[in-house]
Amino acid sequence: MKTKLLSAAAALCVAIVMSVQAFAACDWKPERAVTFIVPWGAGGGTDANSRMMASMLSEKFGVPFNVVNRTGGNGVTGHSAIATAKPDGYTIGAATVEINTMHWVGLTDLTYENISPIALIDIVPAGVTVKKGSPFTSVTELIAYAGENPGELTGSGTSQGGIWHLALAGMLQSEGLAPDAIRWIPSKGAGPAMQELMAGGVDVVTVALSESKSLIEQGELVGLAYMHNERMAALPDVPTTKEELASGWTLAAWITLSGPEGMPEDIVCSYEAAVKEIVGTQQWADFKVSRGATVVDMGSAELIEMMKQSDSDLGATIKAIGLAK
């Protein structure tokens, strides 16, 4: 009996020591200014989320987090700057879903394996949107018509091979149609694409919830579905593709907080814990609501698995539409 008690006590001591060590491993803190790299231009969704996160990280750690927009190369420049920086915690950045498309189309060899994913900051489902007065009142009607009349309908939302193009092509493919059953008309972004939709130049756009929300609320556009598992609180009457389609196809753009390749675990852990605390605040929740988005809470291990699956899914879609190199 005495031996059993001693063994139990020893096990408890080991558990306590391991817990203390785990806590200590997350105790790293920056002691000087941190550079926060954004691979996209000022004023966009990635920039807005990054600046808010940088501001709240600055409050948390008590040092400046300086946002630097490193644009160019369709995202390659900024993502490369994040990946190749010294992994000492003083350079982090916003790695976006494009890190899972750039290498498939031959822009770079860089992949999600060349960075240190820390936490998910934002996830934005693609929305299937038509103009008011459209003959299509559901995404199933849209797909049925496209199947019977391949190539007649046109869609837009981003550049050729951009994330919203992949969203539409992947949805069509998941329902057994050719990925070009709705012909893609490249645009310079969501804004121009939605203007073209309202003018009758295209039949459907796939863009983010935050990009189409105001026009849907004004009655100029109609949201047929969002490519997500759950309805979005900002537009609760718009159904999901999981509800509407047999395939349950979903696709979303996302923004992560990531560090350079080989970032030590104690630094990753410290930033991961800080982000978890930040996304649990009312300040962050209010910011998300203002953008028509929802709060997400995903740490490093789960994020890596998500990025791995995303890379595989997007690669398959890019190959299907003939853009892989």
Protein backbone atom coordinates (compact mmCIF):
# COMPACT_ATOMS: atom_id res chain seq x y z
CA MET A 1 0.00 0.00 0.00
CA LYS A 2 2.82 2.34 0.96
CA THR A 3 4.56 1.58 -2.34
CA LYS A 4 1.39 2.43 -4.28
CA LEU A 5 1.02 5.73 -2.42
CA LEU A 6 4.64 6.63 -3.12
CA SER A 7 4.19 5.77 -6.80
CA ALA A 8 1.05 7.92 -7.01
CA ALA A 9 2.82 10.80 -5.29
CA ALA A 10 5.76 10.49 -7.66
CA ALA A 11 3.44 10.50 -10.66
CA LEU A 12 1.70 13.61 -9.34
CA CYS A 13 5.03 15.38 -8.89
CA VAL A 14 6.04 14.51 -12.45
CA ALA A 15 2.71 15.85 -13.76
CA ILE A 16 3.14 19.09 -11.81
CA VAL A 17 6.71 19.54 -13.06
CA MET A 18 5.59 18.90 -16.65
CA SER A 19 2.77 21.44 -16.28
CA VAL A 20 5.16 24.04 -14.92
CA GLN A 21 7.59 23.35 -17.75
CA ALA A 22 4.78 23.66 -20.31
CA PHE A 23 3.72 26.97 -18.80
CA ALA A 24 7.32 28.18 -18.78
CA ALA A 25 7.64 27.19 -22.44
CA CYS A 26 4.94 29.77 -23.25
CA ASP A 27 6.57 32.49 -21.18
CA TRP A 28 8.61 34.08 -24.02
CA LYS A 29 7.93 37.79 -24.51
CA PRO A 30 9.29 40.27 -27.07
CA GLU A 31 11.53 42.92 -25.53
CA ARG A 32 11.61 45.28 -28.51
CA ALA A 33 9.54 46.23 -31.55
CA VAL A 34 8.14 43.42 -33.71
CA THR A 35 7.64 43.64 -37.48
CA PHE A 36 4.24 42.40 -38.67
CA ILE A 37 4.35 41.65 -42.42
CA VAL A 38 1.18 41.85 -44.52
CA PRO A 39 1.55 40.41 -48.05
CA TRP A 40 -1.31 42.52 -49.41
CA GLY A 41 -2.05 46.22 -49.81
CA ALA A 42 -3.32 48.68 -47.24
CA GLY A 43 -7.09 48.98 -46.88
CA GLY A 44 -8.03 45.38 -47.68
CA GLY A 45 -9.42 42.72 -45.39
CA THR A 46 -6.06 41.16 -44.58
CA ASP A 47 -4.63 44.57 -43.77
CA ALA A 48 -7.56 45.50 -41.50
CA ASN A 49 -7.41 42.23 -39.57
CA SER A 50 -3.63 42.44 -39.29
CA ARG A 51 -3.62 46.00 -38.00
CA MET A 52 -6.23 45.19 -35.37
CA MET A 53 -4.32 42.10 -34.26
CA ALA A 54 -1.02 44.01 -34.23
CA SER A 55 -2.56 46.75 -32.08
CA MET A 56 -3.92 44.24 -29.57
CA LEU A 57 -0.65 42.28 -29.49
CA SER A 58 1.13 45.55 -28.76
CA GLU A 59 -1.21 46.17 -25.83
CA LYS A 60 -0.67 42.61 -24.64
CA PHE A 61 3.12 42.57 -24.78
CA GLY A 62 3.88 46.26 -24.21
CA VAL A 63 6.07 46.71 -27.31
CA PRO A 64 5.27 48.12 -30.78
CA PHE A 65 4.05 45.76 -33.50
CA ASN A 66 4.78 47.62 -36.72
CA VAL A 67 2.68 46.60 -39.73
CA VAL A 68 4.59 46.56 -43.01
CA ASN A 69 2.76 45.90 -46.28
CA ARG A 70 5.10 43.84 -48.48
CA THR A 71 3.12 43.57 -51.69
CA GLY A 72 4.06 42.17 -55.08
CA GLY A 73 4.24 38.91 -56.99
CA ASN A 74 0.61 38.03 -56.29
CA GLY A 75 1.46 37.57 -52.63
CA VAL A 76 4.82 35.86 -53.13
CA THR A 77 6.89 38.82 -51.93
CA GLY A 78 5.23 39.17 -48.55
CA HIS A 79 4.90 35.46 -47.85
CA SER A 80 8.56 34.93 -48.73
CA ALA A 81 9.52 37.75 -46.35
CA ILE A 82 7.64 36.01 -43.53
CA ALA A 83 9.08 32.57 -44.31
CA THR A 84 12.72 33.62 -44.60
CA ALA A 85 12.97 36.07 -41.69
CA LYS A 86 15.05 35.22 -38.65
CA PRO A 87 12.83 32.98 -36.46
CA ASP A 88 13.48 34.92 -33.27
CA GLY A 89 9.93 36.18 -32.69
CA TYR A 90 10.61 39.68 -33.94
CA THR A 91 9.15 39.10 -37.40
CA ILE A 92 5.69 37.60 -37.79
CA GLY A 93 3.01 38.11 -40.40
CA ALA A 94 -0.34 37.38 -41.96
CA ALA A 95 -0.05 34.27 -44.11
CA THR A 96 -3.20 33.91 -46.19
CA VAL A 97 -4.92 31.19 -48.20
CA GLU A 98 -2.87 32.18 -51.26
CA ILE A 99 0.12 30.36 -49.78
CA ASN A 100 -1.81 27.23 -50.78
CA THR A 101 -2.35 28.35 -54.37
CA MET A 102 0.86 30.15 -55.40
CA HIS A 103 3.02 27.05 -55.71
CA TRP A 104 0.37 25.13 -57.66
CA VAL A 105 0.29 27.79 -60.40
CA GLY A 106 4.07 28.02 -60.61
CA LEU A 107 4.62 31.39 -58.92
CA THR A 108 6.91 30.03 -56.20
CA ASP A 109 8.08 26.88 -54.44
CA LEU A 110 6.88 28.32 -51.14
CA THR A 111 4.20 26.32 -49.26
CA TYR A 112 2.61 26.32 -45.82
CA GLU A 113 5.42 23.95 -44.74
CA ASN A 114 7.89 26.84 -45.09
CA ILE A 115 6.28 28.92 -42.34
CA SER A 116 5.37 28.37 -38.69
CA PRO A 117 1.57 28.62 -38.41
CA ILE A 118 0.58 30.08 -35.03
CA ALA A 119 -3.15 30.79 -34.99
CA LEU A 120 -6.11 31.47 -37.24
CA ILE A 121 -7.14 35.14 -37.33
CA ASP A 122 -9.99 35.15 -39.82
CA ILE A 123 -11.95 32.83 -42.06
CA VAL A 124 -14.24 34.19 -44.76
CA PRO A 125 -16.54 31.83 -46.68
CA ALA A 126 -17.16 32.47 -50.35
CA GLY A 127 -20.66 33.66 -51.12
CA VAL A 128 -22.66 32.80 -54.25
CA THR A 129 -24.38 36.05 -55.17
CA VAL A 130 -26.71 37.20 -57.96
CA LYS A 131 -28.36 40.55 -58.71
CA LYS A 132 -31.91 41.41 -57.73
CA GLY A 133 -34.36 40.14 -60.32
CA SER A 134 -32.16 37.18 -61.22
CA PRO A 135 -34.10 34.12 -62.41
CA PHE A 136 -32.14 32.04 -59.89
CA THR A 137 -33.52 31.91 -56.36
CA SER A 138 -31.28 29.14 -55.04
CA VAL A 139 -27.82 27.77 -55.68
CA THR A 140 -29.37 24.45 -56.74
CA GLU A 141 -31.32 26.21 -59.51
CA LEU A 142 -28.13 27.95 -60.63
CA ILE A 143 -26.17 24.71 -60.81
CA ALA A 144 -29.00 22.85 -62.56
CA TYR A 145 -29.18 25.52 -65.27
CA ALA A 146 -25.40 25.56 -65.68
CA GLY A 147 -25.45 21.79 -66.08
CA GLU A 148 -28.09 21.94 -68.80
CA ASN A 149 -26.52 24.97 -70.52
CA PRO A 150 -22.75 24.70 -69.98
CA GLY A 151 -20.81 27.84 -70.83
CA GLU A 152 -23.86 30.08 -71.13
CA LEU A 153 -23.62 31.68 -67.68
CA THR A 154 -20.71 33.85 -66.60
CA GLY A 155 -19.18 34.43 -63.19
CA SER A 156 -16.62 36.79 -61.68
CA GLY A 157 -15.10 37.95 -58.41
CA THR A 158 -11.33 37.93 -58.76
CA SER A 159 -8.50 37.18 -61.17
CA GLN A 160 -8.18 33.97 -63.19
CA GLY A 161 -7.17 31.27 -60.71
CA GLY A 162 -7.84 33.49 -57.69
CA ILE A 163 -9.45 32.08 -54.57
CA TRP A 164 -13.00 33.09 -55.55
CA HIS A 165 -12.54 31.58 -59.02
CA LEU A 166 -11.46 28.35 -57.34
CA ALA A 167 -14.52 28.56 -55.09
CA LEU A 168 -16.91 28.58 -58.04
CA ALA A 169 -14.99 26.03 -60.12
CA GLY A 170 -14.66 23.69 -57.15
CA MET A 171 -18.37 23.94 -56.36
CA LEU A 172 -19.30 23.08 -59.93
CA GLN A 173 -16.86 20.19 -60.02
CA SER A 174 -18.13 18.84 -56.68
CA GLU A 175 -21.62 18.67 -58.20
CA GLY A 176 -20.43 16.68 -61.21
CA LEU A 177 -20.19 19.59 -63.67
CA ALA A 178 -17.19 20.79 -65.62
CA PRO A 179 -15.34 23.48 -63.63
CA ASP A 180 -15.95 25.92 -66.50
CA ALA A 181 -19.68 25.19 -66.82
CA ILE A 182 -20.02 28.79 -65.66
CA ARG A 183 -17.41 30.76 -67.62
CA TRP A 184 -15.09 32.84 -65.47
CA ILE A 185 -14.64 36.52 -66.35
CA PRO A 186 -11.53 37.82 -64.53
CA SER A 187 -11.86 41.03 -62.52
CA LYS A 188 -9.56 43.24 -60.48
CA GLY A 189 -11.44 42.43 -57.29
CA ALA A 190 -14.78 42.03 -55.58
CA GLY A 191 -15.85 45.65 -56.02
CA PRO A 192 -15.54 45.78 -59.81
CA ALA A 193 -17.08 42.30 -60.09
CA MET A 194 -20.17 43.30 -58.09
CA GLN A 195 -20.59 46.44 -60.18
CA GLU A 196 -20.41 44.28 -63.30
CA LEU A 197 -23.01 41.94 -61.79
CA MET A 198 -25.44 44.77 -61.06
CA ALA A 199 -24.91 46.11 -64.58
CA GLY A 200 -25.79 42.73 -66.07
CA GLY A 201 -22.32 41.99 -67.39
CA VAL A 202 -22.06 38.69 -65.50
CA ASP A 203 -24.63 36.33 -64.01
CA VAL A 204 -23.07 35.46 -60.66
CA VAL A 205 -20.21 36.50 -58.43
CA THR A 206 -18.38 34.57 -55.73
CA VAL A 207 -16.95 36.96 -53.15
CA ALA A 208 -16.59 37.20 -49.39
CA LEU A 209 -19.45 37.84 -47.01
CA SER A 210 -17.89 41.09 -45.85
CA GLU A 211 -17.60 42.26 -49.45
CA SER A 212 -21.21 41.62 -50.48
CA LYS A 213 -23.01 42.14 -47.16
CA SER A 214 -23.96 45.81 -47.56
CA LEU A 215 -25.31 45.37 -51.11
CA ILE A 216 -27.33 42.34 -50.02
CA GLU A 217 -28.79 44.33 -47.12
CA GLN A 218 -29.63 47.17 -49.52
CA GLY A 219 -31.48 44.74 -51.78
CA GLU A 220 -29.19 45.26 -54.77
CA LEU A 221 -27.78 41.74 -54.58
CA VAL A 222 -29.18 38.41 -53.42
CA GLY A 223 -27.11 35.89 -51.51
CA LEU A 224 -27.96 32.39 -52.74
CA ALA A 225 -25.60 30.53 -50.42
CA TYR A 226 -22.37 30.73 -48.49
CA MET A 227 -19.74 28.03 -48.86
CA HIS A 228 -19.64 27.19 -45.18
CA ASN A 229 -20.80 24.59 -42.67
CA GLU A 230 -22.88 27.01 -40.61
CA ARG A 231 -24.99 30.05 -41.40
CA MET A 232 -23.29 33.38 -40.82
CA ALA A 233 -24.66 35.53 -38.00
CA ALA A 234 -24.30 38.66 -40.14
CA LEU A 235 -26.71 37.25 -42.79
CA PRO A 236 -28.65 34.46 -41.06
CA ASP A 237 -31.23 34.10 -43.85
CA VAL A 238 -28.63 33.07 -46.43
CA PRO A 239 -28.31 29.25 -46.47
CA THR A 240 -25.07 27.32 -46.67
CA THR A 241 -23.86 25.06 -49.46
CA LYS A 242 -23.77 22.27 -46.90
CA GLU A 243 -27.55 22.68 -46.57
CA GLU A 244 -28.24 23.15 -50.27
CA LEU A 245 -25.86 20.84 -52.13
CA ALA A 246 -25.47 17.08 -52.08
CA SER A 247 -21.68 17.45 -52.12
CA GLY A 248 -21.66 19.81 -49.14
CA TRP A 249 -18.89 21.80 -50.87
CA THR A 250 -17.34 24.53 -48.74
CA LEU A 251 -14.49 26.95 -49.34
CA ALA A 252 -13.25 29.98 -47.47
CA ALA A 253 -10.41 32.43 -47.60
CA TRP A 254 -8.44 32.63 -44.38
CA ILE A 255 -5.82 34.71 -42.61
CA THR A 256 -3.33 33.28 -40.14
CA LEU A 257 -0.77 34.66 -37.77
CA SER A 258 2.42 32.88 -38.77
CA GLY A 259 6.13 33.10 -38.19
CA PRO A 260 9.23 32.19 -40.18
CA GLU A 261 10.18 28.60 -40.83
CA GLY A 262 11.77 26.98 -37.79
CA MET A 263 10.36 29.33 -35.15
CA PRO A 264 11.10 27.84 -31.70
CA GLU A 265 8.20 26.21 -29.90
CA ASP A 266 8.34 28.58 -26.92
CA ILE A 267 7.81 31.58 -29.21
CA VAL A 268 5.01 29.89 -31.15
CA CYS A 269 3.36 28.92 -27.87
CA SER A 270 3.60 32.46 -26.48
CA TYR A 271 2.03 34.05 -29.54
CA GLU A 272 -0.60 31.31 -29.74
CA ALA A 273 -1.64 31.94 -26.13
CA ALA A 274 -1.75 35.70 -26.74
CA VAL A 275 -3.99 35.33 -29.80
CA LYS A 276 -6.31 32.97 -27.93
CA GLU A 277 -6.72 35.62 -25.24
CA ILE A 278 -7.28 38.39 -27.80
CA VAL A 279 -9.95 36.57 -29.81
CA GLY A 280 -11.85 35.99 -26.59
CA THR A 281 -12.24 39.71 -25.89
CA GLN A 282 -15.29 41.86 -26.56
CA GLN A 283 -13.08 44.30 -28.45
CA TRP A 284 -12.18 41.63 -31.00
CA ALA A 285 -15.77 40.39 -31.20
CA ASP A 286 -17.03 43.92 -31.91
CA PHE A 287 -14.39 44.33 -34.61
CA LYS A 288 -15.51 41.11 -36.28
CA VAL A 289 -19.19 42.06 -36.16
CA SER A 290 -18.38 45.41 -37.77
CA ARG A 291 -16.87 43.53 -40.72
CA GLY A 292 -19.66 40.97 -41.06
CA ALA A 293 -17.36 38.21 -39.84
CA THR A 294 -17.30 35.76 -36.96
CA VAL A 295 -14.73 35.10 -34.26
CA VAL A 296 -12.55 32.04 -34.83
CA ASP A 297 -10.35 30.29 -32.28
CA MET A 298 -7.85 27.82 -33.73
CA GLY A 299 -4.35 27.15 -32.46
CA SER A 300 -1.20 25.94 -34.15
CA ALA A 301 -1.74 22.16 -34.25
CA GLU A 302 -5.28 22.32 -35.63
CA LEU A 303 -4.31 25.12 -38.02
CA ILE A 304 -1.50 23.09 -39.55
CA GLU A 305 -3.92 20.26 -40.27
CA MET A 306 -6.43 22.70 -41.80
CA MET A 307 -3.75 24.21 -44.03
CA LYS A 308 -2.60 20.76 -45.12
CA GLN A 309 -6.13 19.79 -46.19
CA SER A 310 -6.70 23.16 -47.84
CA ASP A 311 -3.50 22.79 -49.86
CA SER A 312 -4.62 19.40 -51.15
CA ASP A 313 -8.16 20.56 -51.99
CA LEU A 314 -7.05 23.73 -53.76
CA GLY A 315 -4.38 21.85 -55.68
CA ALA A 316 -7.00 19.43 -57.00
CA THR A 317 -9.22 22.31 -58.13
CA ILE A 318 -6.36 24.18 -59.78
CA LYS A 319 -5.43 21.03 -61.70
CA ALA A 320 -9.04 20.51 -62.74
CA ILE A 321 -9.32 23.97 -64.30
CA GLY A 322 -6.00 23.57 -66.10
CA LEU A 323 -3.95 26.19 -64.26
CA ALA A 324 -1.45 23.90 -62.52
CA LYS A 325 2.19 24.22 -63.57
